[in-house]
Amino acid sequence: MLEGEMTVIIDGQETVLKPMDSCRIAPNEVRKIENRSNHVCKMIVVIPYPGGKRPE
């Protein structure tokens, strides 16, 4: 998280991410990400290419 607060819900467990927090969501894991405030949230999302290879 860069700015604001975001709630991440995985298997019913809620975690609130605040600035400078991070999390890992495993492949095929069902999740929900919510901004429960009226404030802007900014986050960086990094995902690998499928199969670990960059498309040509």
Protein backbone atom coordinates (compact mmCIF):
# COMPACT_ATOMS: atom_id res chain seq x y z
CA MET A 1 0.00 0.00 0.00
CA LEU A 2 1.20 3.44 -0.86
CA GLU A 3 -1.69 5.50 0.46
CA GLY A 4 -4.96 4.91 2.32
CA GLU A 5 -6.28 1.64 3.75
CA MET A 6 -7.45 -1.46 1.91
CA THR A 7 -9.20 -4.50 3.41
CA VAL A 8 -8.12 -7.86 1.97
CA ILE A 9 -10.45 -10.80 2.65
CA ILE A 10 -9.17 -14.35 2.11
CA ASP A 11 -11.21 -17.35 3.33
CA GLY A 12 -13.26 -15.04 5.55
CA GLN A 13 -10.19 -13.62 7.29
CA GLU A 14 -9.91 -9.84 7.01
CA THR A 15 -6.63 -7.96 7.02
CA VAL A 16 -6.39 -4.18 6.79
CA LEU A 17 -3.40 -2.96 4.81
CA LYS A 18 -2.04 0.51 5.58
CA PRO A 19 0.75 2.51 3.94
CA MET A 20 3.96 0.48 3.57
CA ASP A 21 2.13 -2.84 4.26
CA SER A 22 2.18 -5.66 1.73
CA CYS A 23 0.63 -9.08 1.23
CA ARG A 24 0.94 -12.13 -0.97
CA ILE A 25 -2.07 -13.76 -2.57
CA ALA A 26 -1.35 -17.27 -3.83
CA PRO A 27 -2.35 -18.36 -7.34
CA ASN A 28 -6.01 -19.40 -7.62
CA GLU A 29 -6.73 -18.12 -4.10
CA VAL A 30 -10.21 -16.60 -3.83
CA ARG A 31 -9.94 -13.09 -2.42
CA LYS A 32 -11.81 -9.83 -2.12
CA ILE A 33 -10.17 -6.42 -1.89
CA GLU A 34 -12.24 -3.51 -0.58
CA ASN A 35 -11.75 0.17 0.05
CA ARG A 36 -14.19 0.72 2.92
CA SER A 37 -13.54 4.43 3.18
CA ASN A 38 -14.33 7.49 1.10
CA HIS A 39 -10.62 8.16 0.65
CA VAL A 40 -8.36 7.34 -2.28
CA CYS A 41 -6.22 4.23 -1.96
CA LYS A 42 -3.07 3.67 -3.98
CA MET A 43 -1.31 0.33 -4.25
CA ILE A 44 1.17 -1.42 -6.47
CA VAL A 45 0.20 -4.83 -7.83
CA VAL A 46 2.92 -7.16 -9.11
CA ILE A 47 1.97 -10.37 -10.93
CA PRO A 48 4.14 -12.86 -12.82
CA TYR A 49 3.59 -13.75 -16.45
CA PRO A 50 1.64 -17.02 -16.90
CA GLY A 51 4.09 -19.87 -17.09
CA GLY A 52 6.86 -17.57 -15.89
CA LYS A 53 7.66 -16.46 -19.45
CA ARG A 54 7.26 -13.02 -20.94
CA PRO A 55 5.17 -13.02 -24.13
CA GLU A 56 7.12 -12.44 -27.29
